[in-house]
Amino acid sequence: MCAAAYRRPVPFKESAPAVEATLREHYVKHGVMPSLSELQAELKSNKITTSKSSLACVIDLLVDAGLVLRGHAGRLMPGENFAGFPIGRPVPAGSPDTGDLPVERRSIDRWLAPHPAVTGLVPIRGESMIDAGLLNGDTAVFEDRRDAKPGDIVYALIDEEETIKFLASDANGLYLEPGNSDPQYQPMRPERSLEILGVVIGSFGRRGRAATGR
């Protein structure tokens, strides 16, 4: 089946991204994946004509890529990479780089939260951790863990106040260290209690202007 499709390389390569885009559009609109007949009809309405055998071959590739799954009676369902976004090649912040982009997708959720059952989010306020890349207005991603070690960035409760800092230790015990070289930010030593609520594993935030709608 797939061999027949590969004998027509140009139409096949052009149809694969169109099939993926149509699947995504249908899922956003209806909340379910289309049947093969529905998919074929929607492609035809976009002036893309393909046989069911060629279409099935494209679906096989999307299944292999983790974008879709075949459920009961062959019904398509979103795969683990369906919510992913295309990844470009590493880009230096200095001079531009050129080259072919790799065919790969990454799910933001899976990348930021590899263990969702123990993952939480907390907004970042202030600039005490900017040297660690945690910026005011961003959101920190933390895992509910109690195995934090000195040097880890932790989401902590110190004297009943929540904060995000580096966990540090000296002869007097555990304390919290800011990630900002400005002298106005000083280490925080607990007077009554220090509880680690989680270990920070990442953060995210928007930069620039998002699209207003499509």
N, C-alpha and C. Protein backbone atom coordinates (compact mmCIF):
# COMPACT_ATOMS: atom_id res chain seq x y z
N MET A 1 0.84 -1.21 0.00
CA MET A 1 0.00 0.00 0.00
C MET A 1 0.86 1.25 0.00
N CYS A 2 1.80 1.32 0.96
CA CYS A 2 2.65 2.49 1.05
C CYS A 2 3.63 2.56 -0.11
N ALA A 3 4.05 1.39 -0.61
CA ALA A 3 4.99 1.39 -1.73
C ALA A 3 4.38 2.08 -2.93
N ALA A 4 3.08 1.86 -3.15
CA ALA A 4 2.41 2.51 -4.28
C ALA A 4 2.42 4.01 -4.11
N ALA A 5 2.22 4.48 -2.88
CA ALA A 5 2.22 5.91 -2.64
C ALA A 5 3.61 6.51 -2.88
N TYR A 6 4.67 5.78 -2.49
CA TYR A 6 6.01 6.30 -2.65
C TYR A 6 6.44 6.36 -4.10
N ARG A 7 5.73 5.64 -5.00
CA ARG A 7 6.07 5.73 -6.41
C ARG A 7 5.65 7.07 -6.99
N ARG A 8 4.88 7.85 -6.22
CA ARG A 8 4.47 9.19 -6.64
C ARG A 8 4.97 10.17 -5.57
N PRO A 9 6.31 10.42 -5.45
CA PRO A 9 6.86 11.13 -4.30
C PRO A 9 6.36 12.55 -4.13
N VAL A 10 6.23 13.30 -5.21
CA VAL A 10 5.85 14.70 -5.05
C VAL A 10 4.42 14.86 -4.53
N PRO A 11 3.40 14.22 -5.17
CA PRO A 11 2.05 14.35 -4.62
C PRO A 11 1.95 13.83 -3.19
N PHE A 12 2.68 12.76 -2.88
CA PHE A 12 2.60 12.18 -1.55
C PHE A 12 3.15 13.15 -0.51
N LYS A 13 4.31 13.75 -0.79
CA LYS A 13 4.91 14.69 0.16
C LYS A 13 4.03 15.91 0.36
N GLU A 14 3.32 16.32 -0.71
CA GLU A 14 2.46 17.48 -0.59
C GLU A 14 1.19 17.15 0.18
N SER A 15 0.72 15.91 0.07
CA SER A 15 -0.54 15.56 0.71
C SER A 15 -0.38 15.30 2.20
N ALA A 16 0.79 14.81 2.64
CA ALA A 16 0.97 14.47 4.05
C ALA A 16 0.71 15.65 4.99
N PRO A 17 1.33 16.83 4.78
CA PRO A 17 1.02 17.95 5.68
C PRO A 17 -0.42 18.42 5.56
N ALA A 18 -1.02 18.27 4.37
CA ALA A 18 -2.41 18.67 4.19
C ALA A 18 -3.34 17.75 4.98
N VAL A 19 -3.01 16.46 5.02
CA VAL A 19 -3.81 15.52 5.81
C VAL A 19 -3.72 15.87 7.29
N GLU A 20 -2.51 16.13 7.76
CA GLU A 20 -2.33 16.48 9.18
C GLU A 20 -3.11 17.75 9.52
N ALA A 21 -2.99 18.77 8.67
CA ALA A 21 -3.69 20.03 8.93
C ALA A 21 -5.20 19.83 8.94
N THR A 22 -5.70 19.00 8.03
CA THR A 22 -7.15 18.76 7.98
C THR A 22 -7.62 18.01 9.21
N LEU A 23 -6.82 17.05 9.68
CA LEU A 23 -7.16 16.33 10.91
C LEU A 23 -7.26 17.29 12.09
N ARG A 24 -6.30 18.20 12.19
CA ARG A 24 -6.29 19.16 13.30
C ARG A 24 -7.50 20.10 13.23
N GLU A 25 -7.79 20.59 12.04
CA GLU A 25 -8.93 21.50 11.87
C GLU A 25 -10.24 20.81 12.23
N HIS A 26 -10.39 19.56 11.79
CA HIS A 26 -11.62 18.81 12.10
C HIS A 26 -11.73 18.58 13.60
N TYR A 27 -10.61 18.24 14.24
CA TYR A 27 -10.64 17.95 15.68
C TYR A 27 -10.99 19.21 16.47
N VAL A 28 -10.42 20.35 16.09
CA VAL A 28 -10.73 21.60 16.79
C VAL A 28 -12.21 21.96 16.64
N LYS A 29 -12.75 21.71 15.45
CA LYS A 29 -14.14 22.09 15.17
C LYS A 29 -15.15 21.13 15.79
N HIS A 30 -14.85 19.82 15.77
CA HIS A 30 -15.84 18.83 16.18
C HIS A 30 -15.49 18.08 17.46
N GLY A 31 -14.27 18.17 17.91
CA GLY A 31 -13.87 17.49 19.14
C GLY A 31 -13.58 16.01 18.96
N VAL A 32 -13.67 15.51 17.74
CA VAL A 32 -13.35 14.12 17.42
C VAL A 32 -12.62 14.10 16.09
N MET A 33 -11.92 12.99 15.85
CA MET A 33 -11.23 12.83 14.58
C MET A 33 -12.22 12.39 13.50
N PRO A 34 -11.96 12.76 12.25
CA PRO A 34 -12.85 12.33 11.17
C PRO A 34 -12.63 10.87 10.81
N SER A 35 -13.66 10.27 10.20
CA SER A 35 -13.47 8.95 9.61
C SER A 35 -12.66 9.11 8.33
N LEU A 36 -12.22 8.01 7.77
CA LEU A 36 -11.44 8.08 6.54
C LEU A 36 -12.25 8.71 5.42
N SER A 37 -13.53 8.37 5.35
CA SER A 37 -14.39 8.96 4.31
C SER A 37 -14.58 10.45 4.52
N GLU A 38 -14.79 10.85 5.78
CA GLU A 38 -14.93 12.28 6.08
C GLU A 38 -13.64 13.03 5.75
N LEU A 39 -12.53 12.44 6.10
CA LEU A 39 -11.24 13.07 5.83
C LEU A 39 -11.02 13.24 4.33
N GLN A 40 -11.37 12.19 3.58
CA GLN A 40 -11.20 12.25 2.13
C GLN A 40 -12.09 13.34 1.52
N ALA A 41 -13.31 13.47 2.05
CA ALA A 41 -14.23 14.49 1.54
C ALA A 41 -13.74 15.90 1.87
N GLU A 42 -13.20 16.07 3.07
CA GLU A 42 -12.71 17.40 3.46
C GLU A 42 -11.47 17.78 2.65
N LEU A 43 -10.63 16.80 2.37
CA LEU A 43 -9.48 17.07 1.51
C LEU A 43 -9.93 17.46 0.11
N LYS A 44 -10.95 16.76 -0.38
CA LYS A 44 -11.45 17.06 -1.72
C LYS A 44 -12.03 18.47 -1.79
N SER A 45 -12.69 18.90 -0.70
CA SER A 45 -13.24 20.26 -0.67
C SER A 45 -12.13 21.31 -0.70
N ASN A 46 -10.92 20.90 -0.28
CA ASN A 46 -9.76 21.80 -0.35
C ASN A 46 -8.95 21.56 -1.62
N LYS A 47 -9.58 20.89 -2.59
CA LYS A 47 -8.97 20.63 -3.89
C LYS A 47 -7.76 19.70 -3.81
N ILE A 48 -7.82 18.77 -2.84
CA ILE A 48 -6.78 17.75 -2.73
C ILE A 48 -7.45 16.40 -2.91
N THR A 49 -7.16 15.75 -4.03
CA THR A 49 -7.77 14.47 -4.33
C THR A 49 -6.75 13.36 -4.09
N THR A 50 -7.14 12.36 -3.32
CA THR A 50 -6.25 11.24 -3.02
C THR A 50 -7.07 9.97 -2.87
N SER A 51 -6.47 8.86 -3.22
CA SER A 51 -7.18 7.59 -3.08
C SER A 51 -7.19 7.17 -1.62
N LYS A 52 -8.10 6.27 -1.27
CA LYS A 52 -8.16 5.79 0.11
C LYS A 52 -6.89 5.04 0.49
N SER A 53 -6.28 4.33 -0.48
CA SER A 53 -5.05 3.59 -0.17
C SER A 53 -3.90 4.55 0.12
N SER A 54 -3.78 5.62 -0.67
CA SER A 54 -2.73 6.61 -0.40
C SER A 54 -2.99 7.34 0.90
N LEU A 55 -4.28 7.63 1.16
CA LEU A 55 -4.63 8.32 2.40
C LEU A 55 -4.33 7.43 3.61
N ALA A 56 -4.61 6.15 3.48
CA ALA A 56 -4.31 5.22 4.57
C ALA A 56 -2.83 5.15 4.83
N CYS A 57 -2.02 5.28 3.79
CA CYS A 57 -0.57 5.25 3.94
C CYS A 57 -0.08 6.48 4.71
N VAL A 58 -0.66 7.64 4.41
CA VAL A 58 -0.30 8.85 5.15
C VAL A 58 -0.68 8.70 6.61
N ILE A 59 -1.86 8.13 6.86
CA ILE A 59 -2.30 7.91 8.24
C ILE A 59 -1.32 6.99 8.97
N ASP A 60 -0.82 5.96 8.27
CA ASP A 60 0.17 5.06 8.88
C ASP A 60 1.39 5.84 9.35
N LEU A 61 1.83 6.79 8.54
CA LEU A 61 3.00 7.59 8.92
C LEU A 61 2.69 8.47 10.12
N LEU A 62 1.48 9.03 10.18
CA LEU A 62 1.10 9.86 11.32
C LEU A 62 0.98 9.03 12.59
N VAL A 63 0.54 7.78 12.44
CA VAL A 63 0.49 6.87 13.58
C VAL A 63 1.91 6.58 14.07
N ASP A 64 2.83 6.31 13.13
CA ASP A 64 4.22 6.03 13.50
C ASP A 64 4.85 7.23 14.19
N ALA A 65 4.44 8.43 13.81
CA ALA A 65 4.99 9.65 14.41
C ALA A 65 4.35 9.99 15.75
N GLY A 66 3.34 9.20 16.15
CA GLY A 66 2.68 9.47 17.42
C GLY A 66 1.67 10.59 17.37
N LEU A 67 1.31 11.04 16.17
CA LEU A 67 0.35 12.13 16.05
C LEU A 67 -1.09 11.65 16.22
N VAL A 68 -1.36 10.44 15.75
CA VAL A 68 -2.69 9.86 15.89
C VAL A 68 -2.58 8.41 16.31
N LEU A 69 -3.67 7.89 16.86
CA LEU A 69 -3.77 6.48 17.23
C LEU A 69 -5.00 5.89 16.55
N ARG A 70 -4.99 4.58 16.38
CA ARG A 70 -6.18 3.90 15.89
C ARG A 70 -6.89 3.26 17.08
N GLY A 71 -8.12 3.69 17.31
CA GLY A 71 -8.88 3.16 18.42
C GLY A 71 -9.82 2.05 18.00
N HIS A 72 -10.96 1.97 18.69
CA HIS A 72 -11.94 0.94 18.41
C HIS A 72 -12.43 1.03 16.98
N ALA A 73 -12.45 -0.10 16.29
CA ALA A 73 -12.91 -0.19 14.91
C ALA A 73 -12.10 0.70 13.97
N GLY A 74 -10.86 0.99 14.37
CA GLY A 74 -9.99 1.77 13.51
C GLY A 74 -10.21 3.27 13.56
N ARG A 75 -11.11 3.72 14.46
CA ARG A 75 -11.38 5.15 14.58
C ARG A 75 -10.13 5.88 15.05
N LEU A 76 -9.81 6.99 14.40
CA LEU A 76 -8.62 7.73 14.76
C LEU A 76 -8.84 8.52 16.04
N MET A 77 -7.77 8.63 16.83
CA MET A 77 -7.77 9.41 18.07
C MET A 77 -6.47 10.20 18.13
N PRO A 78 -6.45 11.30 18.89
CA PRO A 78 -5.19 12.06 19.03
C PRO A 78 -4.11 11.20 19.68
N GLY A 79 -2.90 11.27 19.15
CA GLY A 79 -1.77 10.57 19.74
C GLY A 79 -1.05 11.46 20.73
N GLU A 80 0.01 10.92 21.34
CA GLU A 80 0.71 11.66 22.38
C GLU A 80 1.42 12.90 21.84
N ASN A 81 1.71 12.94 20.55
CA ASN A 81 2.36 14.10 19.96
C ASN A 81 1.40 15.00 19.19
N PHE A 82 0.10 14.73 19.31
CA PHE A 82 -0.87 15.50 18.53
C PHE A 82 -0.87 16.97 18.94
N ALA A 83 -0.64 17.23 20.24
CA ALA A 83 -0.65 18.61 20.72
C ALA A 83 0.71 19.28 20.54
N GLY A 84 1.63 18.61 19.87
CA GLY A 84 2.98 19.14 19.73
C GLY A 84 3.07 20.22 18.67
N PHE A 85 4.22 20.89 18.68
CA PHE A 85 4.50 21.94 17.72
C PHE A 85 5.81 21.61 17.02
N PRO A 86 5.98 22.06 15.78
CA PRO A 86 7.22 21.75 15.05
C PRO A 86 8.44 22.33 15.75
N ILE A 87 9.55 21.57 15.76
CA ILE A 87 10.79 22.03 16.36
C ILE A 87 11.77 22.36 15.24
N GLY A 88 12.32 23.55 15.28
CA GLY A 88 13.35 23.93 14.32
C GLY A 88 14.72 23.49 14.82
N ARG A 89 15.72 23.67 13.98
CA ARG A 89 17.08 23.36 14.39
C ARG A 89 17.53 24.37 15.44
N PRO A 90 18.51 24.03 16.30
CA PRO A 90 18.99 24.99 17.30
C PRO A 90 19.42 26.29 16.64
N VAL A 91 18.96 27.41 17.19
CA VAL A 91 19.22 28.71 16.58
C VAL A 91 20.10 29.54 17.51
N PRO A 92 21.27 29.99 17.04
CA PRO A 92 22.11 30.84 17.89
C PRO A 92 21.48 32.21 18.04
N ALA A 93 21.71 32.83 19.19
CA ALA A 93 21.15 34.16 19.43
C ALA A 93 21.98 35.24 18.73
N GLY A 94 23.12 34.86 18.16
CA GLY A 94 23.95 35.82 17.47
C GLY A 94 23.67 35.82 15.98
N SER A 95 24.66 35.39 15.18
CA SER A 95 24.49 35.39 13.74
C SER A 95 23.50 34.32 13.32
N PRO A 96 22.73 34.55 12.25
CA PRO A 96 21.72 33.59 11.84
C PRO A 96 22.32 32.29 11.32
N ASP A 97 21.56 31.22 11.45
CA ASP A 97 21.97 29.92 10.95
C ASP A 97 20.94 29.48 9.93
N THR A 98 21.37 28.76 8.92
CA THR A 98 20.43 28.27 7.91
C THR A 98 20.60 26.77 7.79
N GLY A 99 19.59 26.14 7.22
CA GLY A 99 19.66 24.69 7.04
C GLY A 99 18.27 24.10 7.05
N ASP A 100 18.17 22.85 6.68
CA ASP A 100 16.88 22.19 6.65
C ASP A 100 16.37 21.97 8.06
N LEU A 101 15.08 22.16 8.24
CA LEU A 101 14.47 21.94 9.53
C LEU A 101 14.18 20.46 9.74
N PRO A 102 14.44 19.94 10.93
CA PRO A 102 14.14 18.53 11.18
C PRO A 102 12.65 18.31 11.28
N VAL A 103 12.20 17.15 10.84
CA VAL A 103 10.79 16.81 10.93
C VAL A 103 10.55 16.21 12.32
N GLU A 104 10.21 17.06 13.24
CA GLU A 104 10.00 16.62 14.61
C GLU A 104 9.00 17.56 15.26
N ARG A 105 8.21 17.02 16.18
CA ARG A 105 7.26 17.84 16.91
C ARG A 105 7.46 17.60 18.39
N ARG A 106 7.13 18.60 19.18
CA ARG A 106 7.27 18.47 20.63
C ARG A 106 6.01 18.99 21.30
N SER A 107 5.50 18.20 22.21
CA SER A 107 4.36 18.62 23.02
C SER A 107 4.86 19.47 24.16
N ILE A 108 4.33 20.69 24.26
CA ILE A 108 4.76 21.58 25.34
C ILE A 108 4.44 20.98 26.69
N ASP A 109 3.25 20.40 26.82
CA ASP A 109 2.87 19.80 28.09
C ASP A 109 3.81 18.68 28.49
N ARG A 110 4.10 17.78 27.55
CA ARG A 110 4.95 16.63 27.87
C ARG A 110 6.38 17.06 28.14
N TRP A 111 6.83 18.12 27.48
CA TRP A 111 8.19 18.58 27.67
C TRP A 111 8.35 19.29 29.01
N LEU A 112 7.39 20.16 29.34
CA LEU A 112 7.47 20.91 30.60
C LEU A 112 7.07 20.07 31.80
N ALA A 113 6.18 19.12 31.58
CA ALA A 113 5.67 18.32 32.70
C ALA A 113 5.75 16.84 32.39
N PRO A 114 6.95 16.25 32.48
CA PRO A 114 7.08 14.82 32.17
C PRO A 114 6.36 13.92 33.19
N HIS A 115 6.04 14.47 34.36
CA HIS A 115 5.32 13.70 35.39
C HIS A 115 4.11 14.53 35.84
N PRO A 116 3.07 14.58 35.00
CA PRO A 116 1.94 15.48 35.26
C PRO A 116 1.22 15.23 36.58
N ALA A 117 1.23 14.00 37.08
CA ALA A 117 0.51 13.70 38.32
C ALA A 117 1.10 14.44 39.52
N VAL A 118 2.37 14.83 39.43
CA VAL A 118 3.01 15.50 40.57
C VAL A 118 3.48 16.91 40.19
N THR A 119 2.94 17.44 39.09
CA THR A 119 3.39 18.73 38.59
C THR A 119 2.40 19.83 38.91
N GLY A 120 2.93 21.00 39.29
CA GLY A 120 2.10 22.16 39.55
C GLY A 120 2.73 23.41 38.94
N LEU A 121 1.95 24.47 38.89
CA LEU A 121 2.40 25.74 38.34
C LEU A 121 2.25 26.83 39.39
N VAL A 122 3.17 27.77 39.39
CA VAL A 122 3.07 28.89 40.31
C VAL A 122 3.60 30.14 39.61
N PRO A 123 2.85 31.26 39.68
CA PRO A 123 3.31 32.50 39.06
C PRO A 123 4.55 33.04 39.76
N ILE A 124 5.41 33.68 38.99
CA ILE A 124 6.62 34.27 39.53
C ILE A 124 6.41 35.78 39.68
N ARG A 125 6.66 36.28 40.86
CA ARG A 125 6.56 37.72 41.11
C ARG A 125 7.90 38.22 41.65
N GLY A 126 8.37 39.31 41.11
CA GLY A 126 9.62 39.88 41.56
C GLY A 126 10.81 39.44 40.74
N GLU A 127 11.99 39.95 41.08
CA GLU A 127 13.19 39.74 40.28
C GLU A 127 14.31 39.06 41.06
N SER A 128 13.98 38.37 42.14
CA SER A 128 15.02 37.78 42.97
C SER A 128 15.67 36.55 42.34
N MET A 129 15.09 36.04 41.22
CA MET A 129 15.66 34.84 40.60
C MET A 129 15.97 35.04 39.12
N ILE A 130 16.19 36.29 38.70
CA ILE A 130 16.38 36.54 37.27
C ILE A 130 17.69 35.94 36.76
N ASP A 131 18.71 35.82 37.62
CA ASP A 131 19.97 35.22 37.17
C ASP A 131 19.80 33.74 36.86
N ALA A 132 18.74 33.15 37.38
CA ALA A 132 18.43 31.74 37.09
C ALA A 132 17.45 31.61 35.94
N GLY A 133 17.10 32.74 35.31
CA GLY A 133 16.18 32.71 34.18
C GLY A 133 14.72 32.72 34.56
N LEU A 134 14.41 32.92 35.84
CA LEU A 134 13.02 32.99 36.30
C LEU A 134 12.62 34.45 36.37
N LEU A 135 11.83 34.88 35.42
CA LEU A 135 11.53 36.30 35.25
C LEU A 135 10.18 36.69 35.83
N ASN A 136 10.08 37.92 36.25
CA ASN A 136 8.83 38.44 36.79
C ASN A 136 7.71 38.31 35.77
N GLY A 137 6.60 37.70 36.17
CA GLY A 137 5.47 37.51 35.27
C GLY A 137 5.44 36.16 34.60
N ASP A 138 6.55 35.43 34.64
CA ASP A 138 6.56 34.07 34.08
C ASP A 138 5.88 33.11 35.05
N THR A 139 5.78 31.88 34.63
CA THR A 139 5.19 30.83 35.47
C THR A 139 6.21 29.72 35.68
N ALA A 140 6.43 29.36 36.94
CA ALA A 140 7.36 28.28 37.26
C ALA A 140 6.63 26.94 37.25
N VAL A 141 7.33 25.91 36.78
CA VAL A 141 6.81 24.55 36.78
C VAL A 141 7.56 23.79 37.86
N PHE A 142 6.82 23.20 38.80
CA PHE A 142 7.48 22.47 39.88
C PHE A 142 6.88 21.09 40.04
N GLU A 143 7.69 20.19 40.59
CA GLU A 143 7.23 18.85 40.92
C GLU A 143 7.10 18.71 42.43
N ASP A 144 6.01 18.12 42.86
CA ASP A 144 5.75 17.92 44.29
C ASP A 144 6.68 16.83 44.81
N ARG A 145 7.86 17.26 45.25
CA ARG A 145 8.88 16.32 45.72
C ARG A 145 9.49 16.84 47.01
N ARG A 146 9.97 15.91 47.81
CA ARG A 146 10.60 16.28 49.08
C ARG A 146 12.07 15.87 49.10
N ASP A 147 12.64 15.59 47.90
CA ASP A 147 14.02 15.14 47.84
C ASP A 147 14.95 16.24 47.38
N ALA A 148 14.57 17.51 47.61
CA ALA A 148 15.39 18.63 47.18
C ALA A 148 16.77 18.60 47.85
N LYS A 149 17.77 19.01 47.08
CA LYS A 149 19.14 19.08 47.59
C LYS A 149 19.67 20.49 47.42
N PRO A 150 20.65 20.89 48.24
CA PRO A 150 21.25 22.21 48.05
C PRO A 150 21.69 22.41 46.61
N GLY A 151 21.34 23.56 46.04
CA GLY A 151 21.62 23.84 44.64
C GLY A 151 20.38 23.76 43.78
N ASP A 152 19.36 23.02 44.25
CA ASP A 152 18.09 22.95 43.53
C ASP A 152 17.32 24.26 43.69
N ILE A 153 16.55 24.59 42.68
CA ILE A 153 15.60 25.70 42.81
C ILE A 153 14.32 25.11 43.39
N VAL A 154 13.84 25.69 44.47
CA VAL A 154 12.70 25.11 45.16
C VAL A 154 11.55 26.11 45.30
N TYR A 155 10.37 25.56 45.34
CA TYR A 155 9.16 26.30 45.70
C TYR A 155 8.98 25.98 47.18
N ALA A 156 9.11 26.99 48.03
CA ALA A 156 9.19 26.74 49.47
C ALA A 156 8.24 27.62 50.27
N LEU A 157 8.01 27.17 51.48
CA LEU A 157 7.23 27.91 52.46
C LEU A 157 8.17 28.21 53.62
N ILE A 158 8.57 29.46 53.73
CA ILE A 158 9.49 29.85 54.79
C ILE A 158 8.79 30.81 55.74
N ASP A 159 8.68 30.40 56.98
CA ASP A 159 7.95 31.18 57.99
C ASP A 159 6.57 31.59 57.48
N GLU A 160 5.90 30.60 56.87
CA GLU A 160 4.52 30.74 56.36
C GLU A 160 4.40 31.63 55.14
N GLU A 161 5.50 31.93 54.47
CA GLU A 161 5.45 32.73 53.25
C GLU A 161 6.00 31.92 52.08
N GLU A 162 5.29 31.94 50.95
CA GLU A 162 5.72 31.19 49.77
C GLU A 162 6.79 31.97 49.00
N THR A 163 7.74 31.24 48.45
CA THR A 163 8.78 31.87 47.65
C THR A 163 9.46 30.82 46.77
N ILE A 164 10.19 31.31 45.77
CA ILE A 164 11.02 30.45 44.93
C ILE A 164 12.45 30.93 45.05
N LYS A 165 13.33 30.03 45.48
CA LYS A 165 14.73 30.38 45.69
C LYS A 165 15.59 29.13 45.49
N PHE A 166 16.90 29.33 45.49
CA PHE A 166 17.83 28.21 45.55
C PHE A 166 17.87 27.67 46.98
N LEU A 167 17.87 26.37 47.10
CA LEU A 167 18.05 25.77 48.41
C LEU A 167 19.55 25.73 48.71
N ALA A 168 19.92 26.19 49.89
CA ALA A 168 21.33 26.23 50.28
C ALA A 168 21.48 25.65 51.68
N SER A 169 22.71 25.37 52.04
CA SER A 169 22.98 24.77 53.35
C SER A 169 24.34 25.21 53.86
N ASP A 170 24.44 25.42 55.16
CA ASP A 170 25.72 25.69 55.81
C ASP A 170 25.70 25.06 57.20
N ALA A 171 26.64 25.44 58.03
CA ALA A 171 26.73 24.84 59.36
C ALA A 171 25.48 25.11 60.20
N ASN A 172 24.74 26.14 59.86
CA ASN A 172 23.54 26.48 60.63
C ASN A 172 22.27 25.81 60.08
N GLY A 173 22.40 25.05 59.01
CA GLY A 173 21.25 24.35 58.46
C GLY A 173 20.83 24.86 57.10
N LEU A 174 19.64 24.48 56.68
CA LEU A 174 19.12 24.86 55.37
C LEU A 174 18.62 26.31 55.37
N TYR A 175 18.79 26.96 54.23
CA TYR A 175 18.25 28.30 54.05
C TYR A 175 18.03 28.52 52.55
N LEU A 176 17.51 29.67 52.18
CA LEU A 176 17.18 29.97 50.79
C LEU A 176 18.06 31.09 50.26
N GLU A 177 18.54 30.89 49.05
CA GLU A 177 19.47 31.84 48.42
C GLU A 177 18.83 32.42 47.17
N PRO A 178 18.84 33.75 47.00
CA PRO A 178 18.27 34.34 45.79
C PRO A 178 19.16 34.10 44.58
N GLY A 179 18.58 34.25 43.40
CA GLY A 179 19.33 34.13 42.15
C GLY A 179 19.44 35.47 41.49
N ASN A 180 19.94 36.45 42.24
CA ASN A 180 20.12 37.80 41.72
C ASN A 180 21.32 38.40 42.44
N SER A 181 22.31 38.85 41.68
CA SER A 181 23.54 39.37 42.28
C SER A 181 23.38 40.74 42.91
N ASP A 182 22.24 41.40 42.69
CA ASP A 182 21.99 42.69 43.32
C ASP A 182 21.98 42.51 44.84
N PRO A 183 22.76 43.32 45.59
CA PRO A 183 22.86 43.14 47.04
C PRO A 183 21.56 43.36 47.80
N GLN A 184 20.56 43.95 47.15
CA GLN A 184 19.28 44.13 47.86
C GLN A 184 18.59 42.80 48.13
N TYR A 185 18.98 41.74 47.39
CA TYR A 185 18.39 40.42 47.58
C TYR A 185 19.33 39.58 48.45
N GLN A 186 18.89 39.31 49.64
CA GLN A 186 19.71 38.63 50.63
C GLN A 186 19.20 37.21 50.91
N PRO A 187 20.07 36.35 51.40
CA PRO A 187 19.63 35.00 51.78
C PRO A 187 18.49 35.06 52.80
N MET A 188 17.63 34.06 52.74
CA MET A 188 16.49 33.98 53.67
C MET A 188 16.71 32.79 54.59
N ARG A 189 16.83 33.09 55.88
CA ARG A 189 17.01 32.02 56.88
C ARG A 189 15.72 31.89 57.69
N PRO A 190 15.26 30.68 57.87
CA PRO A 190 13.99 30.50 58.60
C PRO A 190 14.13 30.85 60.08
N GLU A 191 13.15 31.59 60.58
CA GLU A 191 13.10 31.87 62.01
C GLU A 191 12.27 30.82 62.73
N ARG A 192 11.27 30.30 62.03
CA ARG A 192 10.40 29.29 62.65
C ARG A 192 10.36 27.99 61.85
N SER A 193 10.17 28.10 60.54
CA SER A 193 9.98 26.88 59.76
C SER A 193 10.40 27.07 58.31
N LEU A 194 10.78 25.98 57.68
CA LEU A 194 11.11 25.96 56.25
C LEU A 194 10.58 24.65 55.69
N GLU A 195 9.61 24.74 54.78
CA GLU A 195 9.02 23.55 54.16
C GLU A 195 9.21 23.62 52.66
N ILE A 196 9.71 22.55 52.08
CA ILE A 196 9.88 22.49 50.63
C ILE A 196 8.59 21.95 50.01
N LEU A 197 7.94 22.78 49.20
CA LEU A 197 6.69 22.40 48.55
C LEU A 197 6.92 21.70 47.22
N GLY A 198 8.07 21.93 46.63
CA GLY A 198 8.36 21.29 45.35
C GLY A 198 9.70 21.73 44.80
N VAL A 199 10.15 21.01 43.78
CA VAL A 199 11.40 21.34 43.09
C VAL A 199 11.06 21.92 41.72
N VAL A 200 11.57 23.10 41.43
CA VAL A 200 11.28 23.77 40.17
C VAL A 200 12.07 23.10 39.05
N ILE A 201 11.38 22.71 37.98
CA ILE A 201 12.04 22.02 36.86
C ILE A 201 11.99 22.83 35.56
N GLY A 202 11.32 23.98 35.59
CA GLY A 202 11.26 24.79 34.38
C GLY A 202 10.38 26.01 34.59
N SER A 203 10.23 26.76 33.53
CA SER A 203 9.36 27.94 33.58
C SER A 203 8.96 28.30 32.16
N PHE A 204 7.95 29.12 32.04
CA PHE A 204 7.56 29.59 30.71
C PHE A 204 6.92 30.96 30.82
N GLY A 205 6.95 31.68 29.72
CA GLY A 205 6.35 33.01 29.67
C GLY A 205 6.26 33.46 28.24
N ARG A 206 5.40 34.42 28.00
CA ARG A 206 5.25 34.95 26.65
C ARG A 206 6.21 36.11 26.44
N ARG A 207 6.67 36.22 25.21
CA ARG A 207 7.51 37.33 24.81
C ARG A 207 6.93 37.91 23.52
N GLY A 208 6.85 39.19 23.45
CA GLY A 208 6.32 39.79 22.24
C GLY A 208 4.80 39.77 22.22
N ARG A 209 4.25 39.97 21.04
CA ARG A 209 2.82 40.12 20.86
C ARG A 209 2.23 38.87 20.23
N ALA A 210 1.25 38.28 20.90
CA ALA A 210 0.59 37.09 20.36
C ALA A 210 -0.41 37.49 19.29
N ALA A 211 -0.77 36.55 18.42
CA ALA A 211 -1.77 36.80 17.39
C ALA A 211 -3.12 37.12 18.05
N THR A 212 -3.87 38.00 17.43
CA THR A 212 -5.14 38.42 18.01
C THR A 212 -6.27 37.48 17.65
N GLY A 213 -6.06 36.58 16.74
CA GLY A 213 -7.12 35.63 16.34
C GLY A 213 -6.96 35.27 14.89
N ARG A 214 -7.63 34.15 14.53
CA ARG A 214 -7.53 33.67 13.16
C ARG A 214 -8.93 33.42 12.63
